[in-house]
Amino acid sequence: MKNQIEQCPKCGGNEIGKGRQAGDAAVFPLGKIIPLGSAIIHRICTHCGYVIESYVENPSKYKS
């Protein structure tokens, strides 16, 4: 990904990790007959735990 934040805006830490949230916390598209969801990816400061960015893993599932 381009232009990613490389420093935590909350604490100034510069070690950013990634986590994958799935299961019941997946995001499901509205208006689909069979709503297959997508996991959410979080970029997290490993020093203070601040969630810097979140995005779905498979954005194509939300096209109409």
PDB file of N, CA and C in Angstrom:
ATOM      1  N   MET A   1       0.836  -1.180   0.000  1.00  0.00           N
ATOM      2  CA  MET A   1       0.000   0.000   0.000  1.00  0.00           C
ATOM      3  C   MET A   1       0.879   1.241   0.000  1.00  0.00           C
ATOM      4  N   LYS A   2       0.467   2.212  -0.765  1.00  0.00           N
ATOM      5  CA  LYS A   2       1.229   3.456  -0.840  1.00  0.00           C
ATOM      6  C   LYS A   2       0.812   4.401   0.276  1.00  0.00           C
ATOM      7  N   ASN A   3       1.710   5.301   0.634  1.00  0.00           N
ATOM      8  CA  ASN A   3       1.453   6.373   1.593  1.00  0.00           C
ATOM      9  C   ASN A   3       0.936   5.869   2.942  1.00  0.00           C
ATOM     10  N   GLN A   4       1.476   4.765   3.425  1.00  0.00           N
ATOM     11  CA  GLN A   4       1.058   4.264   4.725  1.00  0.00           C
ATOM     12  C   GLN A   4       1.703   5.099   5.818  1.00  0.00           C
ATOM     13  N   ILE A   5       0.953   5.306   6.882  1.00  0.00           N
ATOM     14  CA  ILE A   5       1.497   5.999   8.037  1.00  0.00           C
ATOM     15  C   ILE A   5       2.535   5.090   8.675  1.00  0.00           C
ATOM     16  N   GLU A   6       3.722   5.596   8.877  1.00  0.00           N
ATOM     17  CA  GLU A   6       4.802   4.793   9.446  1.00  0.00           C
ATOM     18  C   GLU A   6       5.117   5.195  10.877  1.00  0.00           C
ATOM     19  N   GLN A   7       4.332   6.145  11.421  1.00  0.00           N
ATOM     20  CA  GLN A   7       4.534   6.570  12.795  1.00  0.00           C
ATOM     21  C   GLN A   7       3.160   6.722  13.443  1.00  0.00           C
ATOM     22  N   CYS A   8       3.016   6.272  14.649  1.00  0.00           N
ATOM     23  CA  CYS A   8       1.745   6.341  15.351  1.00  0.00           C
ATOM     24  C   CYS A   8       1.404   7.798  15.672  1.00  0.00           C
ATOM     25  N   PRO A   9       0.212   8.262  15.279  1.00  0.00           N
ATOM     26  CA  PRO A   9      -0.173   9.634  15.584  1.00  0.00           C
ATOM     27  C   PRO A   9      -0.487   9.853  17.066  1.00  0.00           C
ATOM     28  N   LYS A  10      -0.680   8.776  17.814  1.00  0.00           N
ATOM     29  CA  LYS A  10      -1.010   8.896  19.233  1.00  0.00           C
ATOM     30  C   LYS A  10       0.234   8.983  20.118  1.00  0.00           C
ATOM     31  N   CYS A  11       1.186   8.045  19.911  1.00  0.00           N
ATOM     32  CA  CYS A  11       2.351   7.996  20.805  1.00  0.00           C
ATOM     33  C   CYS A  11       3.675   8.278  20.096  1.00  0.00           C
ATOM     34  N   GLY A  12       3.665   8.323  18.766  1.00  0.00           N
ATOM     35  CA  GLY A  12       4.901   8.572  18.025  1.00  0.00           C
ATOM     36  C   GLY A  12       5.718   7.319  17.757  1.00  0.00           C
ATOM     37  N   GLY A  13       5.223   6.158  18.194  1.00  0.00           N
ATOM     38  CA  GLY A  13       5.944   4.907  17.958  1.00  0.00           C
ATOM     39  C   GLY A  13       6.072   4.624  16.469  1.00  0.00           C
ATOM     40  N   ASN A  14       7.140   3.913  16.100  1.00  0.00           N
ATOM     41  CA  ASN A  14       7.355   3.652  14.670  1.00  0.00           C
ATOM     42  C   ASN A  14       7.362   2.167  14.324  1.00  0.00           C
ATOM     43  N   GLU A  15       6.895   1.319  15.239  1.00  0.00           N
ATOM     44  CA  GLU A  15       6.750  -0.099  14.936  1.00  0.00           C
ATOM     45  C   GLU A  15       5.274  -0.393  14.752  1.00  0.00           C
ATOM     46  N   ILE A  16       4.900  -0.646  13.509  1.00  0.00           N
ATOM     47  CA  ILE A  16       3.500  -0.857  13.147  1.00  0.00           C
ATOM     48  C   ILE A  16       3.312  -2.310  12.737  1.00  0.00           C
ATOM     49  N   GLY A  17       2.390  -3.001  13.406  1.00  0.00           N
ATOM     50  CA  GLY A  17       2.090  -4.394  13.093  1.00  0.00           C
ATOM     51  C   GLY A  17       0.757  -4.501  12.366  1.00  0.00           C
ATOM     52  N   LYS A  18       0.455  -5.694  11.864  1.00  0.00           N
ATOM     53  CA  LYS A  18      -0.812  -5.948  11.190  1.00  0.00           C
ATOM     54  C   LYS A  18      -1.548  -7.059  11.913  1.00  0.00           C
ATOM     55  N   GLY A  19      -2.880  -6.955  11.929  1.00  0.00           N
ATOM     56  CA  GLY A  19      -3.719  -7.992  12.508  1.00  0.00           C
ATOM     57  C   GLY A  19      -4.898  -8.251  11.586  1.00  0.00           C
ATOM     58  N   ARG A  20      -5.449  -9.456  11.656  1.00  0.00           N
ATOM     59  CA  ARG A  20      -6.571  -9.850  10.802  1.00  0.00           C
ATOM     60  C   ARG A  20      -7.752 -10.183  11.692  1.00  0.00           C
ATOM     61  N   GLN A  21      -8.844  -9.468  11.522  1.00  0.00           N
ATOM     62  CA  GLN A  21     -10.070  -9.702  12.284  1.00  0.00           C
ATOM     63  C   GLN A  21     -11.048 -10.422  11.374  1.00  0.00           C
ATOM     64  N   ALA A  22     -11.535 -11.582  11.788  1.00  0.00           N
ATOM     65  CA  ALA A  22     -12.421 -12.381  10.937  1.00  0.00           C
ATOM     66  C   ALA A  22     -13.517 -13.011  11.788  1.00  0.00           C
ATOM     67  N   GLY A  23     -14.175 -14.007  11.228  1.00  0.00           N
ATOM     68  CA  GLY A  23     -15.238 -14.689  11.953  1.00  0.00           C
ATOM     69  C   GLY A  23     -16.474 -13.825  12.039  1.00  0.00           C
ATOM     70  N   ASP A  24     -17.089 -13.737  13.202  1.00  0.00           N
ATOM     71  CA  ASP A  24     -18.300 -12.947  13.382  1.00  0.00           C
ATOM     72  C   ASP A  24     -18.067 -11.451  13.203  1.00  0.00           C
ATOM     73  N   ALA A  25     -16.830 -11.019  13.234  1.00  0.00           N
ATOM     74  CA  ALA A  25     -16.538  -9.603  13.086  1.00  0.00           C
ATOM     75  C   ALA A  25     -16.250  -9.210  11.638  1.00  0.00           C
ATOM     76  N   ALA A  26     -16.431 -10.126  10.696  1.00  0.00           N
ATOM     77  CA  ALA A  26     -16.220  -9.798   9.280  1.00  0.00           C
ATOM     78  C   ALA A  26     -17.263  -8.781   8.827  1.00  0.00           C
ATOM     79  N   VAL A  27     -16.961  -8.057   7.771  1.00  0.00           N
ATOM     80  CA  VAL A  27     -17.878  -7.070   7.201  1.00  0.00           C
ATOM     81  C   VAL A  27     -18.621  -7.730   6.045  1.00  0.00           C
ATOM     82  N   PHE A  28     -19.947  -7.623   6.064  1.00  0.00           N
ATOM     83  CA  PHE A  28     -20.775  -8.245   5.037  1.00  0.00           C
ATOM     84  C   PHE A  28     -21.409  -7.171   4.157  1.00  0.00           C
ATOM     85  N   PRO A  29     -21.441  -7.374   2.843  1.00  0.00           N
ATOM     86  CA  PRO A  29     -22.043  -6.394   1.948  1.00  0.00           C
ATOM     87  C   PRO A  29     -23.564  -6.350   2.118  1.00  0.00           C
ATOM     88  N   LEU A  30     -24.128  -5.155   2.054  1.00  0.00           N
ATOM     89  CA  LEU A  30     -25.572  -4.989   2.155  1.00  0.00           C
ATOM     90  C   LEU A  30     -26.235  -5.302   0.831  1.00  0.00           C
ATOM     91  N   GLY A  31     -27.439  -5.832   0.883  1.00  0.00           N
ATOM     92  CA  GLY A  31     -28.225  -6.047  -0.319  1.00  0.00           C
ATOM     93  C   GLY A  31     -27.844  -7.255  -1.153  1.00  0.00           C
ATOM     94  N   LYS A  32     -26.990  -8.112  -0.666  1.00  0.00           N
ATOM     95  CA  LYS A  32     -26.595  -9.324  -1.401  1.00  0.00           C
ATOM     96  C   LYS A  32     -27.451 -10.489  -0.908  1.00  0.00           C
ATOM     97  N   ILE A  33     -27.842 -11.372  -1.819  1.00  0.00           N
ATOM     98  CA  ILE A  33     -28.652 -12.531  -1.448  1.00  0.00           C
ATOM     99  C   ILE A  33     -27.849 -13.473  -0.558  1.00  0.00           C
ATOM    100  N   ILE A  34     -26.631 -13.775  -0.955  1.00  0.00           N
ATOM    101  CA  ILE A  34     -25.734 -14.607  -0.141  1.00  0.00           C
ATOM    102  C   ILE A  34     -24.567 -13.719   0.274  1.00  0.00           C
ATOM    103  N   PRO A  35     -24.678 -13.093   1.444  1.00  0.00           N
ATOM    104  CA  PRO A  35     -23.644 -12.137   1.842  1.00  0.00           C
ATOM    105  C   PRO A  35     -22.384 -12.804   2.375  1.00  0.00           C
ATOM    106  N   LEU A  36     -21.427 -13.027   1.513  1.00  0.00           N
ATOM    107  CA  LEU A  36     -20.136 -13.563   1.944  1.00  0.00           C
ATOM    108  C   LEU A  36     -19.271 -12.394   2.370  1.00  0.00           C
ATOM    109  N   GLY A  37     -18.819 -12.410   3.580  1.00  0.00           N
ATOM    110  CA  GLY A  37     -18.074 -11.288   4.120  1.00  0.00           C
ATOM    111  C   GLY A  37     -16.590 -11.356   3.833  1.00  0.00           C
ATOM    112  N   SER A  38     -15.907 -10.361   4.334  1.00  0.00           N
ATOM    113  CA  SER A  38     -14.463 -10.262   4.184  1.00  0.00           C
ATOM    114  C   SER A  38     -13.855  -9.909   5.532  1.00  0.00           C
ATOM    115  N   ALA A  39     -12.717 -10.469   5.823  1.00  0.00           N
ATOM    116  CA  ALA A  39     -12.007 -10.137   7.058  1.00  0.00           C
ATOM    117  C   ALA A  39     -11.554  -8.680   7.003  1.00  0.00           C
ATOM    118  N   ILE A  40     -11.306  -8.126   8.173  1.00  0.00           N
ATOM    119  CA  ILE A  40     -10.811  -6.759   8.278  1.00  0.00           C
ATOM    120  C   ILE A  40      -9.340  -6.828   8.669  1.00  0.00           C
ATOM    121  N   ILE A  41      -8.519  -6.058   7.984  1.00  0.00           N
ATOM    122  CA  ILE A  41      -7.094  -5.962   8.302  1.00  0.00           C
ATOM    123  C   ILE A  41      -6.882  -4.653   9.065  1.00  0.00           C
ATOM    124  N   HIS A  42      -6.155  -4.733  10.168  1.00  0.00           N
ATOM    125  CA  HIS A  42      -5.855  -3.545  10.975  1.00  0.00           C
ATOM    126  C   HIS A  42      -4.349  -3.331  10.987  1.00  0.00           C
ATOM    127  N   ARG A  43      -3.938  -2.080  10.893  1.00  0.00           N
ATOM    128  CA  ARG A  43      -2.547  -1.703  11.136  1.00  0.00           C
ATOM    129  C   ARG A  43      -2.528  -1.073  12.525  1.00  0.00           C
ATOM    130  N   ILE A  44      -1.678  -1.627  13.406  1.00  0.00           N
ATOM    131  CA  ILE A  44      -1.725  -1.305  14.826  1.00  0.00           C
ATOM    132  C   ILE A  44      -0.339  -0.915  15.339  1.00  0.00           C
ATOM    133  N   CYS A  45      -0.295   0.131  16.153  1.00  0.00           N
ATOM    134  CA  CYS A  45       0.955   0.519  16.808  1.00  0.00           C
ATOM    135  C   CYS A  45       1.283  -0.560  17.841  1.00  0.00           C
ATOM    136  N   THR A  46       2.464  -1.152  17.749  1.00  0.00           N
ATOM    137  CA  THR A  46       2.836  -2.216  18.679  1.00  0.00           C
ATOM    138  C   THR A  46       3.277  -1.667  20.042  1.00  0.00           C
ATOM    139  N   HIS A  47       3.383  -0.352  20.155  1.00  0.00           N
ATOM    140  CA  HIS A  47       3.764   0.250  21.437  1.00  0.00           C
ATOM    141  C   HIS A  47       2.533   0.554  22.292  1.00  0.00           C
ATOM    142  N   CYS A  48       1.547   1.258  21.719  1.00  0.00           N
ATOM    143  CA  CYS A  48       0.388   1.676  22.525  1.00  0.00           C
ATOM    144  C   CYS A  48      -0.915   0.981  22.135  1.00  0.00           C
ATOM    145  N   GLY A  49      -0.936   0.255  21.015  1.00  0.00           N
ATOM    146  CA  GLY A  49      -2.124  -0.465  20.590  1.00  0.00           C
ATOM    147  C   GLY A  49      -3.107   0.334  19.765  1.00  0.00           C
ATOM    148  N   TYR A  50      -2.767   1.563  19.428  1.00  0.00           N
ATOM    149  CA  TYR A  50      -3.656   2.410  18.636  1.00  0.00           C
ATOM    150  C   TYR A  50      -3.865   1.812  17.243  1.00  0.00           C
ATOM    151  N   VAL A  51      -5.129   1.715  16.810  1.00  0.00           N
ATOM    152  CA  VAL A  51      -5.432   1.209  15.475  1.00  0.00           C
ATOM    153  C   VAL A  51      -5.289   2.375  14.500  1.00  0.00           C
ATOM    154  N   ILE A  52      -4.275   2.294  13.648  1.00  0.00           N
ATOM    155  CA  ILE A  52      -3.953   3.376  12.726  1.00  0.00           C
ATOM    156  C   ILE A  52      -4.828   3.332  11.484  1.00  0.00           C
ATOM    157  N   GLU A  53      -5.117   2.122  11.010  1.00  0.00           N
ATOM    158  CA  GLU A  53      -5.846   1.980   9.759  1.00  0.00           C
ATOM    159  C   GLU A  53      -6.576   0.644   9.763  1.00  0.00           C
ATOM    160  N   SER A  54      -7.751   0.612   9.144  1.00  0.00           N
ATOM    161  CA  SER A  54      -8.507  -0.624   8.974  1.00  0.00           C
ATOM    162  C   SER A  54      -9.051  -0.674   7.557  1.00  0.00           C
ATOM    163  N   TYR A  55      -9.050  -1.871   6.954  1.00  0.00           N
ATOM    164  CA  TYR A  55      -9.596  -2.032   5.612  1.00  0.00           C
ATOM    165  C   TYR A  55     -10.001  -3.487   5.417  1.00  0.00           C
ATOM    166  N   VAL A  56     -10.947  -3.718   4.495  1.00  0.00           N
ATOM    167  CA  VAL A  56     -11.369  -5.098   4.233  1.00  0.00           C
ATOM    168  C   VAL A  56     -10.326  -5.789   3.365  1.00  0.00           C
ATOM    169  N   GLU A  57     -10.190  -7.078   3.581  1.00  0.00           N
ATOM    170  CA  GLU A  57      -9.181  -7.872   2.880  1.00  0.00           C
ATOM    171  C   GLU A  57      -9.546  -8.067   1.396  1.00  0.00           C
ATOM    172  N   ASN A  58     -10.834  -8.235   1.122  1.00  0.00           N
ATOM    173  CA  ASN A  58     -11.286  -8.491  -0.264  1.00  0.00           C
ATOM    174  C   ASN A  58     -12.337  -7.456  -0.688  1.00  0.00           C
ATOM    175  N   PRO A  59     -11.916  -6.270  -1.106  1.00  0.00           N
ATOM    176  CA  PRO A  59     -12.872  -5.216  -1.456  1.00  0.00           C
ATOM    177  C   PRO A  59     -13.761  -5.545  -2.657  1.00  0.00           C
ATOM    178  N   SER A  60     -13.357  -6.476  -3.499  1.00  0.00           N
ATOM    179  CA  SER A  60     -14.169  -6.803  -4.684  1.00  0.00           C
ATOM    180  C   SER A  60     -15.519  -7.408  -4.298  1.00  0.00           C
ATOM    181  N   LYS A  61     -15.662  -7.919  -3.078  1.00  0.00           N
ATOM    182  CA  LYS A  61     -16.929  -8.498  -2.636  1.00  0.00           C
ATOM    183  C   LYS A  61     -18.018  -7.446  -2.471  1.00  0.00           C
ATOM    184  N   TYR A  62     -17.662  -6.180  -2.533  1.00  0.00           N
ATOM    185  CA  TYR A  62     -18.625  -5.108  -2.292  1.00  0.00           C
ATOM    186  C   TYR A  62     -19.050  -4.399  -3.572  1.00  0.00           C
ATOM    187  N   LYS A  63     -18.589  -4.896  -4.705  1.00  0.00           N
ATOM    188  CA  LYS A  63     -19.023  -4.330  -5.983  1.00  0.00           C
ATOM    189  C   LYS A  63     -20.451  -4.744  -6.250  1.00  0.00           C
ATOM    190  N   SER A  64     -21.228  -3.836  -6.861  1.00  0.00           N
ATOM    191  CA  SER A  64     -22.623  -4.183  -7.136  1.00  0.00           C
ATOM    192  C   SER A  64     -22.791  -5.003  -8.379  1.00  0.00           C
TER     193      SER A  64
END
